[in-house]
Every structure is written in structure tokens, then in C-alpha cells.
Amino acid sequence: MDLYLPNGLIAPNATGNIILAQTMAFTTLVCCQLFNVFNARSESSSAFSDLFTNRWSWFAVLLGILLQAAVIYLPILNRAFGTTPLGLKDWGVAIGLASIVLWGEEVKKIITRAAPGLSK
């Protein structure tokens, strides 16, 4: 497995690229917020219910993805933001980690619906 952070606590002898590690962290945080768009639709209903009722939220998520891609792939924005291009595997890791926000909130909503008194 490739490690993104060189000389880190978990793998002190790793030889990863610090710019790649920063780009991965930035992309993961952006993706977390994009997943939160769906979490924020309701405090109790699943993020997957009535998923396509708000076209503006989908437009916002798509715009967020396009802007993140611009920051990662356009050389002028690479210099401005200190980023480096990511590969497909890197995107998979970032999206996979970021999706934990969505799945964690889904579990919380399921528990809250099953036992409403626990949320207070």
C-alpha cells in the first residue's frame, strides 16, 4: 500500500510525497463536505430518500467536484494551491474515506429512528 505522508507517526520510514499527502487531505475534506450536502437534507430521514428532488443540490455537488478537479489538474491552480494531480486510485481513496461521513450519519439516523429517546 502506498503511504501518502512521509515520516509520519504510523509509518516513520515512509518515503511519500508531502505535496501528494496535502492534496489527498484537501481532496478528502472537500469530498466530506460534498457528502454532507446529502446529510444536511434531513436530521432524521435517510440521505438516500427522495435523492433527486433537489436539482440545485446536485448542481452544487457537481460544481464542487469540477472546482476541486480544476484545483488538482490545472497547472496555474496547482501552483496557487500547492496541489499535484491525483490518479484514479487516489480519488478512490479520498472518496472512500470521505464517504464515512455519509455512512456514519446514516447509522446515527437509523438509531435515532429506532429509539427516538436516545437522541435527546
PDB file of N, CA and C in Angstrom:
ATOM      1  N   MET A   1       0.843  -1.191   0.000  1.00  0.00           N
ATOM      2  CA  MET A   1       0.000   0.000   0.000  1.00  0.00           C
ATOM      3  C   MET A   1       0.878   1.242   0.000  1.00  0.00           C
ATOM      4  N   ASP A   2       0.534   2.183  -0.846  1.00  0.00           N
ATOM      5  CA  ASP A   2       1.262   3.452  -0.868  1.00  0.00           C
ATOM      6  C   ASP A   2       0.868   4.275   0.345  1.00  0.00           C
ATOM      7  N   LEU A   3       1.847   4.925   0.907  1.00  0.00           N
ATOM      8  CA  LEU A   3       1.578   5.817   2.027  1.00  0.00           C
ATOM      9  C   LEU A   3       1.728   7.241   1.529  1.00  0.00           C
ATOM     10  N   TYR A   4       0.821   8.099   1.957  1.00  0.00           N
ATOM     11  CA  TYR A   4       0.820   9.463   1.452  1.00  0.00           C
ATOM     12  C   TYR A   4       1.661  10.409   2.284  1.00  0.00           C
ATOM     13  N   LEU A   5       1.851  10.140   3.548  1.00  0.00           N
ATOM     14  CA  LEU A   5       2.557  11.075   4.414  1.00  0.00           C
ATOM     15  C   LEU A   5       3.953  10.559   4.733  1.00  0.00           C
ATOM     16  N   PRO A   6       4.975  11.248   4.278  1.00  0.00           N
ATOM     17  CA  PRO A   6       6.332  10.810   4.594  1.00  0.00           C
ATOM     18  C   PRO A   6       6.691  11.130   6.042  1.00  0.00           C
ATOM     19  N   ASN A   7       7.468  10.247   6.646  1.00  0.00           N
ATOM     20  CA  ASN A   7       7.965  10.452   8.012  1.00  0.00           C
ATOM     21  C   ASN A   7       6.836  10.688   9.016  1.00  0.00           C
ATOM     22  N   GLY A   8       5.727  10.032   8.815  1.00  0.00           N
ATOM     23  CA  GLY A   8       4.585  10.191   9.712  1.00  0.00           C
ATOM     24  C   GLY A   8       4.686   9.309  10.938  1.00  0.00           C
ATOM     25  N   LEU A   9       3.754   9.447  11.838  1.00  0.00           N
ATOM     26  CA  LEU A   9       3.717   8.696  13.080  1.00  0.00           C
ATOM     27  C   LEU A   9       3.482   7.207  12.836  1.00  0.00           C
ATOM     28  N   ILE A  10       2.584   6.881  11.913  1.00  0.00           N
ATOM     29  CA  ILE A  10       2.234   5.485  11.675  1.00  0.00           C
ATOM     30  C   ILE A  10       3.333   4.760  10.903  1.00  0.00           C
ATOM     31  N   ALA A  11       3.927   5.414   9.948  1.00  0.00           N
ATOM     32  CA  ALA A  11       4.981   4.792   9.134  1.00  0.00           C
ATOM     33  C   ALA A  11       6.174   5.744   9.064  1.00  0.00           C
ATOM     34  N   PRO A  12       7.007   5.772  10.097  1.00  0.00           N
ATOM     35  CA  PRO A  12       8.095   6.759  10.151  1.00  0.00           C
ATOM     36  C   PRO A  12       9.119   6.627   9.027  1.00  0.00           C
ATOM     37  N   ASN A  13       9.209   5.488   8.379  1.00  0.00           N
ATOM     38  CA  ASN A  13      10.190   5.300   7.306  1.00  0.00           C
ATOM     39  C   ASN A  13       9.583   5.436   5.913  1.00  0.00           C
ATOM     40  N   ALA A  14       8.353   5.891   5.843  1.00  0.00           N
ATOM     41  CA  ALA A  14       7.697   6.052   4.546  1.00  0.00           C
ATOM     42  C   ALA A  14       8.408   7.129   3.735  1.00  0.00           C
ATOM     43  N   THR A  15       8.341   6.986   2.444  1.00  0.00           N
ATOM     44  CA  THR A  15       9.002   7.945   1.563  1.00  0.00           C
ATOM     45  C   THR A  15       7.990   8.636   0.661  1.00  0.00           C
ATOM     46  N   GLY A  16       6.807   8.879   1.162  1.00  0.00           N
ATOM     47  CA  GLY A  16       5.759   9.515   0.372  1.00  0.00           C
ATOM     48  C   GLY A  16       6.091  10.952   0.031  1.00  0.00           C
ATOM     49  N   ASN A  17       5.263  11.550  -0.777  1.00  0.00           N
ATOM     50  CA  ASN A  17       5.431  12.916  -1.252  1.00  0.00           C
ATOM     51  C   ASN A  17       4.531  13.828  -0.422  1.00  0.00           C
ATOM     52  N   ILE A  18       5.092  14.853   0.214  1.00  0.00           N
ATOM     53  CA  ILE A  18       4.312  15.733   1.087  1.00  0.00           C
ATOM     54  C   ILE A  18       3.244  16.497   0.305  1.00  0.00           C
ATOM     55  N   ILE A  19       3.543  16.913  -0.921  1.00  0.00           N
ATOM     56  CA  ILE A  19       2.549  17.629  -1.734  1.00  0.00           C
ATOM     57  C   ILE A  19       1.380  16.695  -2.065  1.00  0.00           C
ATOM     58  N   LEU A  20       1.679  15.444  -2.375  1.00  0.00           N
ATOM     59  CA  LEU A  20       0.620  14.466  -2.634  1.00  0.00           C
ATOM     60  C   LEU A  20      -0.210  14.243  -1.373  1.00  0.00           C
ATOM     61  N   ALA A  21       0.447  14.150  -0.227  1.00  0.00           N
ATOM     62  CA  ALA A  21      -0.271  13.956   1.037  1.00  0.00           C
ATOM     63  C   ALA A  21      -1.198  15.142   1.315  1.00  0.00           C
ATOM     64  N   GLN A  22      -0.725  16.356   1.077  1.00  0.00           N
ATOM     65  CA  GLN A  22      -1.552  17.542   1.305  1.00  0.00           C
ATOM     66  C   GLN A  22      -2.714  17.604   0.320  1.00  0.00           C
ATOM     67  N   THR A  23      -2.456  17.228  -0.924  1.00  0.00           N
ATOM     68  CA  THR A  23      -3.525  17.215  -1.925  1.00  0.00           C
ATOM     69  C   THR A  23      -4.582  16.173  -1.564  1.00  0.00           C
ATOM     70  N   MET A  24      -4.146  15.016  -1.097  1.00  0.00           N
ATOM     71  CA  MET A  24      -5.084  13.974  -0.676  1.00  0.00           C
ATOM     72  C   MET A  24      -5.923  14.440   0.513  1.00  0.00           C
ATOM     73  N   ALA A  25      -5.286  15.073   1.490  1.00  0.00           N
ATOM     74  CA  ALA A  25      -6.023  15.559   2.658  1.00  0.00           C
ATOM     75  C   ALA A  25      -7.045  16.616   2.235  1.00  0.00           C
ATOM     76  N   PHE A  26      -6.635  17.546   1.403  1.00  0.00           N
ATOM     77  CA  PHE A  26      -7.520  18.607   0.922  1.00  0.00           C
ATOM     78  C   PHE A  26      -8.697  18.017   0.149  1.00  0.00           C
ATOM     79  N   THR A  27      -8.415  17.085  -0.747  1.00  0.00           N
ATOM     80  CA  THR A  27      -9.467  16.466  -1.554  1.00  0.00           C
ATOM     81  C   THR A  27     -10.432  15.667  -0.684  1.00  0.00           C
ATOM     82  N   THR A  28      -9.902  14.957   0.301  1.00  0.00           N
ATOM     83  CA  THR A  28     -10.752  14.182   1.209  1.00  0.00           C
ATOM     84  C   THR A  28     -11.680  15.116   1.989  1.00  0.00           C
ATOM     85  N   LEU A  29     -11.160  16.233   2.473  1.00  0.00           N
ATOM     86  CA  LEU A  29     -12.002  17.187   3.212  1.00  0.00           C
ATOM     87  C   LEU A  29     -13.079  17.797   2.324  1.00  0.00           C
ATOM     88  N   VAL A  30     -12.719  18.133   1.096  1.00  0.00           N
ATOM     89  CA  VAL A  30     -13.716  18.671   0.160  1.00  0.00           C
ATOM     90  C   VAL A  30     -14.811  17.635  -0.086  1.00  0.00           C
ATOM     91  N   CYS A  31     -14.410  16.395  -0.319  1.00  0.00           N
ATOM     92  CA  CYS A  31     -15.389  15.326  -0.575  1.00  0.00           C
ATOM     93  C   CYS A  31     -16.277  15.098   0.655  1.00  0.00           C
ATOM     94  N   CYS A  32     -15.709  15.202   1.857  1.00  0.00           N
ATOM     95  CA  CYS A  32     -16.519  15.085   3.081  1.00  0.00           C
ATOM     96  C   CYS A  32     -17.641  16.113   3.064  1.00  0.00           C
ATOM     97  N   GLN A  33     -17.308  17.330   2.699  1.00  0.00           N
ATOM     98  CA  GLN A  33     -18.322  18.384   2.674  1.00  0.00           C
ATOM     99  C   GLN A  33     -19.353  18.145   1.574  1.00  0.00           C
ATOM    100  N   LEU A  34     -18.925  17.589   0.472  1.00  0.00           N
ATOM    101  CA  LEU A  34     -19.885  17.276  -0.592  1.00  0.00           C
ATOM    102  C   LEU A  34     -20.844  16.173  -0.147  1.00  0.00           C
ATOM    103  N   PHE A  35     -20.353  15.190   0.606  1.00  0.00           N
ATOM    104  CA  PHE A  35     -21.243  14.169   1.165  1.00  0.00           C
ATOM    105  C   PHE A  35     -22.184  14.790   2.201  1.00  0.00           C
ATOM    106  N   ASN A  36     -21.709  15.783   2.919  1.00  0.00           N
ATOM    107  CA  ASN A  36     -22.548  16.438   3.921  1.00  0.00           C
ATOM    108  C   ASN A  36     -23.737  17.169   3.315  1.00  0.00           C
ATOM    109  N   VAL A  37     -23.637  17.533   2.040  1.00  0.00           N
ATOM    110  CA  VAL A  37     -24.781  18.145   1.357  1.00  0.00           C
ATOM    111  C   VAL A  37     -25.991  17.221   1.473  1.00  0.00           C
ATOM    112  N   PHE A  38     -25.767  15.932   1.302  1.00  0.00           N
ATOM    113  CA  PHE A  38     -26.865  14.969   1.358  1.00  0.00           C
ATOM    114  C   PHE A  38     -27.284  14.690   2.802  1.00  0.00           C
ATOM    115  N   ASN A  39     -26.330  14.690   3.733  1.00  0.00           N
ATOM    116  CA  ASN A  39     -26.665  14.510   5.147  1.00  0.00           C
ATOM    117  C   ASN A  39     -27.542  15.639   5.665  1.00  0.00           C
ATOM    118  N   ALA A  40     -27.295  16.838   5.199  1.00  0.00           N
ATOM    119  CA  ALA A  40     -27.967  18.018   5.735  1.00  0.00           C
ATOM    120  C   ALA A  40     -29.413  18.170   5.277  1.00  0.00           C
ATOM    121  N   ARG A  41     -29.842  17.351   4.365  1.00  0.00           N
ATOM    122  CA  ARG A  41     -31.209  17.461   3.851  1.00  0.00           C
ATOM    123  C   ARG A  41     -32.247  17.177   4.922  1.00  0.00           C
ATOM    124  N   SER A  42     -31.918  16.306   5.886  1.00  0.00           N
ATOM    125  CA  SER A  42     -32.860  15.957   6.942  1.00  0.00           C
ATOM    126  C   SER A  42     -32.095  15.435   8.148  1.00  0.00           C
ATOM    127  N   GLU A  43     -32.603  15.764   9.334  1.00  0.00           N
ATOM    128  CA  GLU A  43     -31.983  15.248  10.555  1.00  0.00           C
ATOM    129  C   GLU A  43     -32.401  13.816  10.851  1.00  0.00           C
ATOM    130  N   SER A  44     -33.503  13.364  10.240  1.00  0.00           N
ATOM    131  CA  SER A  44     -33.994  12.024  10.562  1.00  0.00           C
ATOM    132  C   SER A  44     -34.172  11.111   9.352  1.00  0.00           C
ATOM    133  N   SER A  45     -34.488  11.652   8.203  1.00  0.00           N
ATOM    134  CA  SER A  45     -34.687  10.818   7.011  1.00  0.00           C
ATOM    135  C   SER A  45     -33.344  10.462   6.392  1.00  0.00           C
ATOM    136  N   SER A  46     -33.320   9.317   5.743  1.00  0.00           N
ATOM    137  CA  SER A  46     -32.111   8.861   5.073  1.00  0.00           C
ATOM    138  C   SER A  46     -31.691   9.837   3.983  1.00  0.00           C
ATOM    139  N   ALA A  47     -30.406   9.974   3.799  1.00  0.00           N
ATOM    140  CA  ALA A  47     -29.878  10.814   2.724  1.00  0.00           C
ATOM    141  C   ALA A  47     -30.266  10.246   1.359  1.00  0.00           C
ATOM    142  N   PHE A  48     -30.641   8.974   1.319  1.00  0.00           N
ATOM    143  CA  PHE A  48     -30.976   8.317   0.067  1.00  0.00           C
ATOM    144  C   PHE A  48     -32.461   8.410  -0.280  1.00  0.00           C
ATOM    145  N   SER A  49     -33.271   8.946   0.636  1.00  0.00           N
ATOM    146  CA  SER A  49     -34.695   9.087   0.335  1.00  0.00           C
ATOM    147  C   SER A  49     -34.915  10.363  -0.480  1.00  0.00           C
ATOM    148  N   ASP A  50     -35.724  10.253  -1.490  1.00  0.00           N
ATOM    149  CA  ASP A  50     -36.018  11.389  -2.383  1.00  0.00           C
ATOM    150  C   ASP A  50     -34.731  12.069  -2.846  1.00  0.00           C
ATOM    151  N   LEU A  51     -33.799  11.273  -3.281  1.00  0.00           N
ATOM    152  CA  LEU A  51     -32.451  11.733  -3.597  1.00  0.00           C
ATOM    153  C   LEU A  51     -32.393  12.767  -4.718  1.00  0.00           C
ATOM    154  N   PHE A  52     -33.332  12.700  -5.639  1.00  0.00           N
ATOM    155  CA  PHE A  52     -33.248  13.578  -6.810  1.00  0.00           C
ATOM    156  C   PHE A  52     -34.299  14.686  -6.811  1.00  0.00           C
ATOM    157  N   THR A  53     -34.831  15.035  -5.657  1.00  0.00           N
ATOM    158  CA  THR A  53     -35.867  16.063  -5.602  1.00  0.00           C
ATOM    159  C   THR A  53     -35.304  17.481  -5.668  1.00  0.00           C
ATOM    160  N   ASN A  54     -34.055  17.661  -5.304  1.00  0.00           N
ATOM    161  CA  ASN A  54     -33.472  18.994  -5.314  1.00  0.00           C
ATOM    162  C   ASN A  54     -32.330  19.043  -6.331  1.00  0.00           C
ATOM    163  N   ARG A  55     -32.646  19.553  -7.513  1.00  0.00           N
ATOM    164  CA  ARG A  55     -31.636  19.631  -8.570  1.00  0.00           C
ATOM    165  C   ARG A  55     -30.524  20.610  -8.228  1.00  0.00           C
ATOM    166  N   TRP A  56     -30.816  21.614  -7.416  1.00  0.00           N
ATOM    167  CA  TRP A  56     -29.800  22.603  -7.054  1.00  0.00           C
ATOM    168  C   TRP A  56     -28.704  21.980  -6.185  1.00  0.00           C
ATOM    169  N   SER A  57     -29.072  21.047  -5.324  1.00  0.00           N
ATOM    170  CA  SER A  57     -28.035  20.406  -4.515  1.00  0.00           C
ATOM    171  C   SER A  57     -27.119  19.560  -5.392  1.00  0.00           C
ATOM    172  N   TRP A  58     -27.681  18.899  -6.385  1.00  0.00           N
ATOM    173  CA  TRP A  58     -26.857  18.133  -7.316  1.00  0.00           C
ATOM    174  C   TRP A  58     -25.952  19.054  -8.135  1.00  0.00           C
ATOM    175  N   PHE A  59     -26.490  20.204  -8.526  1.00  0.00           N
ATOM    176  CA  PHE A  59     -25.689  21.184  -9.252  1.00  0.00           C
ATOM    177  C   PHE A  59     -24.524  21.662  -8.377  1.00  0.00           C
ATOM    178  N   ALA A  60     -24.795  21.920  -7.100  1.00  0.00           N
ATOM    179  CA  ALA A  60     -23.750  22.379  -6.178  1.00  0.00           C
ATOM    180  C   ALA A  60     -22.667  21.314  -5.998  1.00  0.00           C
ATOM    181  N   VAL A  61     -23.067  20.053  -5.860  1.00  0.00           N
ATOM    182  CA  VAL A  61     -22.097  18.965  -5.709  1.00  0.00           C
ATOM    183  C   VAL A  61     -21.262  18.831  -6.981  1.00  0.00           C
ATOM    184  N   LEU A  62     -21.901  18.867  -8.137  1.00  0.00           N
ATOM    185  CA  LEU A  62     -21.174  18.779  -9.400  1.00  0.00           C
ATOM    186  C   LEU A  62     -20.196  19.949  -9.547  1.00  0.00           C
ATOM    187  N   LEU A  63     -20.636  21.143  -9.206  1.00  0.00           N
ATOM    188  CA  LEU A  63     -19.763  22.311  -9.264  1.00  0.00           C
ATOM    189  C   LEU A  63     -18.579  22.148  -8.311  1.00  0.00           C
ATOM    190  N   GLY A  64     -18.832  21.620  -7.121  1.00  0.00           N
ATOM    191  CA  GLY A  64     -17.763  21.373  -6.164  1.00  0.00           C
ATOM    192  C   GLY A  64     -16.734  20.396  -6.695  1.00  0.00           C
ATOM    193  N   ILE A  65     -17.206  19.337  -7.340  1.00  0.00           N
ATOM    194  CA  ILE A  65     -16.297  18.339  -7.928  1.00  0.00           C
ATOM    195  C   ILE A  65     -15.482  18.962  -9.062  1.00  0.00           C
ATOM    196  N   LEU A  66     -16.138  19.738  -9.911  1.00  0.00           N
ATOM    197  CA  LEU A  66     -15.428  20.383 -11.020  1.00  0.00           C
ATOM    198  C   LEU A  66     -14.388  21.377 -10.520  1.00  0.00           C
ATOM    199  N   LEU A  67     -14.726  22.148  -9.499  1.00  0.00           N
ATOM    200  CA  LEU A  67     -13.759  23.100  -8.950  1.00  0.00           C
ATOM    201  C   LEU A  67     -12.589  22.390  -8.284  1.00  0.00           C
ATOM    202  N   GLN A  68     -12.866  21.294  -7.583  1.00  0.00           N
ATOM    203  CA  GLN A  68     -11.786  20.520  -6.968  1.00  0.00           C
ATOM    204  C   GLN A  68     -10.883  19.936  -8.047  1.00  0.00           C
ATOM    205  N   ALA A  69     -11.480  19.423  -9.114  1.00  0.00           N
ATOM    206  CA  ALA A  69     -10.684  18.888 -10.215  1.00  0.00           C
ATOM    207  C   ALA A  69      -9.824  19.989 -10.846  1.00  0.00           C
ATOM    208  N   ALA A  70     -10.373  21.182 -10.964  1.00  0.00           N
ATOM    209  CA  ALA A  70      -9.598  22.300 -11.513  1.00  0.00           C
ATOM    210  C   ALA A  70      -8.396  22.613 -10.635  1.00  0.00           C
ATOM    211  N   VAL A  71      -8.605  22.631  -9.330  1.00  0.00           N
ATOM    212  CA  VAL A  71      -7.512  22.909  -8.394  1.00  0.00           C
ATOM    213  C   VAL A  71      -6.436  21.827  -8.481  1.00  0.00           C
ATOM    214  N   ILE A  72      -6.836  20.618  -8.792  1.00  0.00           N
ATOM    215  CA  ILE A  72      -5.898  19.500  -8.841  1.00  0.00           C
ATOM    216  C   ILE A  72      -5.213  19.367 -10.204  1.00  0.00           C
ATOM    217  N   TYR A  73      -5.899  19.672 -11.286  1.00  0.00           N
ATOM    218  CA  TYR A  73      -5.355  19.373 -12.610  1.00  0.00           C
ATOM    219  C   TYR A  73      -4.888  20.571 -13.429  1.00  0.00           C
ATOM    220  N   LEU A  74      -5.311  21.787 -13.100  1.00  0.00           N
ATOM    221  CA  LEU A  74      -4.840  22.948 -13.853  1.00  0.00           C
ATOM    222  C   LEU A  74      -3.527  23.453 -13.260  1.00  0.00           C
ATOM    223  N   PRO A  75      -2.462  23.503 -14.057  1.00  0.00           N
ATOM    224  CA  PRO A  75      -1.143  23.877 -13.530  1.00  0.00           C
ATOM    225  C   PRO A  75      -1.126  25.216 -12.782  1.00  0.00           C
ATOM    226  N   ILE A  76      -1.855  26.203 -13.279  1.00  0.00           N
ATOM    227  CA  ILE A  76      -1.853  27.506 -12.600  1.00  0.00           C
ATOM    228  C   ILE A  76      -2.469  27.394 -11.199  1.00  0.00           C
ATOM    229  N   LEU A  77      -3.506  26.555 -11.068  1.00  0.00           N
ATOM    230  CA  LEU A  77      -4.119  26.356  -9.757  1.00  0.00           C
ATOM    231  C   LEU A  77      -3.279  25.422  -8.895  1.00  0.00           C
ATOM    232  N   ASN A  78      -2.521  24.507  -9.513  1.00  0.00           N
ATOM    233  CA  ASN A  78      -1.564  23.684  -8.754  1.00  0.00           C
ATOM    234  C   ASN A  78      -0.591  24.586  -8.016  1.00  0.00           C
ATOM    235  N   ARG A  79      -0.062  25.562  -8.721  1.00  0.00           N
ATOM    236  CA  ARG A  79       0.895  26.474  -8.090  1.00  0.00           C
ATOM    237  C   ARG A  79       0.219  27.321  -7.012  1.00  0.00           C
ATOM    238  N   ALA A  80      -0.970  27.828  -7.298  1.00  0.00           N
ATOM    239  CA  ALA A  80      -1.673  28.701  -6.349  1.00  0.00           C
ATOM    240  C   ALA A  80      -2.063  27.961  -5.068  1.00  0.00           C
ATOM    241  N   PHE A  81      -2.508  26.710  -5.211  1.00  0.00           N
ATOM    242  CA  PHE A  81      -2.992  25.944  -4.059  1.00  0.00           C
ATOM    243  C   PHE A  81      -1.971  24.949  -3.516  1.00  0.00           C
ATOM    244  N   GLY A  82      -0.854  24.789  -4.189  1.00  0.00           N
ATOM    245  CA  GLY A  82       0.164  23.836  -3.751  1.00  0.00           C
ATOM    246  C   GLY A  82      -0.306  22.397  -3.860  1.00  0.00           C
ATOM    247  N   THR A  83      -1.001  22.094  -4.955  1.00  0.00           N
ATOM    248  CA  THR A  83      -1.534  20.743  -5.162  1.00  0.00           C
ATOM    249  C   THR A  83      -0.786  20.047  -6.282  1.00  0.00           C
ATOM    250  N   THR A  84      -1.063  18.778  -6.427  1.00  0.00           N
ATOM    251  CA  THR A  84      -0.489  17.972  -7.502  1.00  0.00           C
ATOM    252  C   THR A  84      -1.591  17.078  -8.062  1.00  0.00           C
ATOM    253  N   PRO A  85      -1.517  16.726  -9.337  1.00  0.00           N
ATOM    254  CA  PRO A  85      -2.553  15.861  -9.914  1.00  0.00           C
ATOM    255  C   PRO A  85      -2.650  14.519  -9.182  1.00  0.00           C
ATOM    256  N   LEU A  86      -3.875  14.014  -9.084  1.00  0.00           N
ATOM    257  CA  LEU A  86      -4.148  12.726  -8.446  1.00  0.00           C
ATOM    258  C   LEU A  86      -4.498  11.690  -9.506  1.00  0.00           C
ATOM    259  N   GLY A  87      -4.187  10.445  -9.195  1.00  0.00           N
ATOM    260  CA  GLY A  87      -4.578   9.339 -10.058  1.00  0.00           C
ATOM    261  C   GLY A  87      -5.946   8.809  -9.655  1.00  0.00           C
ATOM    262  N   LEU A  88      -6.451   7.901 -10.432  1.00  0.00           N
ATOM    263  CA  LEU A  88      -7.765   7.307 -10.173  1.00  0.00           C
ATOM    264  C   LEU A  88      -7.791   6.601  -8.811  1.00  0.00           C
ATOM    265  N   LYS A  89      -6.727   5.895  -8.479  1.00  0.00           N
ATOM    266  CA  LYS A  89      -6.647   5.212  -7.180  1.00  0.00           C
ATOM    267  C   LYS A  89      -6.706   6.219  -6.027  1.00  0.00           C
ATOM    268  N   ASP A  90      -6.024   7.350  -6.201  1.00  0.00           N
ATOM    269  CA  ASP A  90      -6.031   8.394  -5.178  1.00  0.00           C
ATOM    270  C   ASP A  90      -7.448   8.935  -4.962  1.00  0.00           C
ATOM    271  N   TRP A  91      -8.167   9.171  -6.051  1.00  0.00           N
ATOM    272  CA  TRP A  91      -9.556   9.626  -5.952  1.00  0.00           C
ATOM    273  C   TRP A  91     -10.407   8.596  -5.215  1.00  0.00           C
ATOM    274  N   GLY A  92     -10.185   7.328  -5.515  1.00  0.00           N
ATOM    275  CA  GLY A  92     -10.933   6.263  -4.844  1.00  0.00           C
ATOM    276  C   GLY A  92     -10.701   6.265  -3.346  1.00  0.00           C
ATOM    277  N   VAL A  93      -9.440   6.448  -2.954  1.00  0.00           N
ATOM    278  CA  VAL A  93      -9.112   6.512  -1.522  1.00  0.00           C
ATOM    279  C   VAL A  93      -9.783   7.723  -0.881  1.00  0.00           C
ATOM    280  N   ALA A  94      -9.678   8.890  -1.513  1.00  0.00           N
ATOM    281  CA  ALA A  94     -10.256  10.115  -0.954  1.00  0.00           C
ATOM    282  C   ALA A  94     -11.777  10.009  -0.825  1.00  0.00           C
ATOM    283  N   ILE A  95     -12.427   9.529  -1.860  1.00  0.00           N
ATOM    284  CA  ILE A  95     -13.890   9.406  -1.832  1.00  0.00           C
ATOM    285  C   ILE A  95     -14.317   8.337  -0.831  1.00  0.00           C
ATOM    286  N   GLY A  96     -13.582   7.237  -0.803  1.00  0.00           N
ATOM    287  CA  GLY A  96     -13.902   6.178   0.165  1.00  0.00           C
ATOM    288  C   GLY A  96     -13.805   6.663   1.599  1.00  0.00           C
ATOM    289  N   LEU A  97     -12.727   7.352   1.921  1.00  0.00           N
ATOM    290  CA  LEU A  97     -12.578   7.894   3.279  1.00  0.00           C
ATOM    291  C   LEU A  97     -13.635   8.955   3.571  1.00  0.00           C
ATOM    292  N   ALA A  98     -13.881   9.825   2.609  1.00  0.00           N
ATOM    293  CA  ALA A  98     -14.865  10.893   2.809  1.00  0.00           C
ATOM    294  C   ALA A  98     -16.274  10.347   2.992  1.00  0.00           C
ATOM    295  N   SER A  99     -16.579   9.222   2.363  1.00  0.00           N
ATOM    296  CA  SER A  99     -17.929   8.670   2.462  1.00  0.00           C
ATOM    297  C   SER A  99     -18.262   8.189   3.874  1.00  0.00           C
ATOM    298  N   ILE A 100     -17.250   8.043   4.710  1.00  0.00           N
ATOM    299  CA  ILE A 100     -17.507   7.648   6.103  1.00  0.00           C
ATOM    300  C   ILE A 100     -18.437   8.651   6.774  1.00  0.00           C
ATOM    301  N   VAL A 101     -18.352   9.913   6.371  1.00  0.00           N
ATOM    302  CA  VAL A 101     -19.243  10.950   6.898  1.00  0.00           C
ATOM    303  C   VAL A 101     -20.700  10.601   6.599  1.00  0.00           C
ATOM    304  N   LEU A 102     -20.965  10.175   5.379  1.00  0.00           N
ATOM    305  CA  LEU A 102     -22.322   9.809   4.966  1.00  0.00           C
ATOM    306  C   LEU A 102     -22.802   8.573   5.697  1.00  0.00           C
ATOM    307  N   TRP A 103     -21.971   7.527   5.722  1.00  0.00           N
ATOM    308  CA  TRP A 103     -22.392   6.261   6.343  1.00  0.00           C
ATOM    309  C   TRP A 103     -22.553   6.410   7.850  1.00  0.00           C
ATOM    310  N   GLY A 104     -21.686   7.171   8.485  1.00  0.00           N
ATOM    311  CA  GLY A 104     -21.818   7.402   9.930  1.00  0.00           C
ATOM    312  C   GLY A 104     -23.109   8.111  10.277  1.00  0.00           C
ATOM    313  N   GLU A 105     -23.455   9.106   9.488  1.00  0.00           N
ATOM    314  CA  GLU A 105     -24.699   9.842   9.720  1.00  0.00           C
ATOM    315  C   GLU A 105     -25.915   8.960   9.442  1.00  0.00           C
ATOM    316  N   GLU A 106     -25.814   8.093   8.434  1.00  0.00           N
ATOM    317  CA  GLU A 106     -26.914   7.163   8.152  1.00  0.00           C
ATOM    318  C   GLU A 106     -27.148   6.228   9.338  1.00  0.00           C
ATOM    319  N   VAL A 107     -26.075   5.721   9.931  1.00  0.00           N
ATOM    320  CA  VAL A 107     -26.204   4.850  11.109  1.00  0.00           C
ATOM    321  C   VAL A 107     -26.850   5.620  12.255  1.00  0.00           C
ATOM    322  N   LYS A 108     -26.417   6.851  12.463  1.00  0.00           N
ATOM    323  CA  LYS A 108     -26.998   7.686  13.522  1.00  0.00           C
ATOM    324  C   LYS A 108     -28.500   7.893  13.295  1.00  0.00           C
ATOM    325  N   LYS A 109     -28.885   8.163  12.062  1.00  0.00           N
ATOM    326  CA  LYS A 109     -30.304   8.368  11.753  1.00  0.00           C
ATOM    327  C   LYS A 109     -31.109   7.094  11.976  1.00  0.00           C
ATOM    328  N   ILE A 110     -30.556   5.947  11.625  1.00  0.00           N
ATOM    329  CA  ILE A 110     -31.241   4.671  11.845  1.00  0.00           C
ATOM    330  C   ILE A 110     -31.459   4.445  13.330  1.00  0.00           C
ATOM    331  N   ILE A 111     -30.432   4.685  14.122  1.00  0.00           N
ATOM    332  CA  ILE A 111     -30.536   4.507  15.582  1.00  0.00           C
ATOM    333  C   ILE A 111     -31.546   5.482  16.157  1.00  0.00           C
ATOM    334  N   THR A 112     -31.522   6.715  15.694  1.00  0.00           N
ATOM    335  CA  THR A 112     -32.455   7.732  16.193  1.00  0.00           C
ATOM    336  C   THR A 112     -33.898   7.378  15.856  1.00  0.00           C
ATOM    337  N   ARG A 113     -34.118   6.854  14.656  1.00  0.00           N
ATOM    338  CA  ARG A 113     -35.485   6.453  14.284  1.00  0.00           C
ATOM    339  C   ARG A 113     -35.949   5.245  15.083  1.00  0.00           C
ATOM    340  N   ALA A 114     -35.036   4.333  15.383  1.00  0.00           N
ATOM    341  CA  ALA A 114     -35.389   3.116  16.127  1.00  0.00           C
ATOM    342  C   ALA A 114     -35.638   3.405  17.599  1.00  0.00           C
ATOM    343  N   ALA A 115     -34.872   4.322  18.155  1.00  0.00           N
ATOM    344  CA  ALA A 115     -35.002   4.668  19.585  1.00  0.00           C
ATOM    345  C   ALA A 115     -34.939   6.180  19.729  1.00  0.00           C
ATOM    346  N   PRO A 116     -36.042   6.881  19.469  1.00  0.00           N
ATOM    347  CA  PRO A 116     -36.045   8.338  19.455  1.00  0.00           C
ATOM    348  C   PRO A 116     -35.553   8.986  20.748  1.00  0.00           C
ATOM    349  N   GLY A 117     -35.730   8.323  21.873  1.00  0.00           N
ATOM    350  CA  GLY A 117     -35.334   8.902  23.155  1.00  0.00           C
ATOM    351  C   GLY A 117     -33.824   9.011  23.318  1.00  0.00           C
ATOM    352  N   LEU A 118     -33.061   8.242  22.542  1.00  0.00           N
ATOM    353  CA  LEU A 118     -31.604   8.280  22.658  1.00  0.00           C
ATOM    354  C   LEU A 118     -30.981   9.558  22.129  1.00  0.00           C
ATOM    355  N   SER A 119     -31.666  10.244  21.250  1.00  0.00           N
ATOM    356  CA  SER A 119     -31.073  11.425  20.618  1.00  0.00           C
ATOM    357  C   SER A 119     -31.136  12.658  21.506  1.00  0.00           C
ATOM    358  N   LYS A 120     -31.878  12.579  22.604  1.00  0.00           N
ATOM    359  CA  LYS A 120     -32.031  13.779  23.431  1.00  0.00           C
ATOM    360  C   LYS A 120     -31.237  13.706  24.680  1.00  0.00           C
TER     361      LYS A 120
END
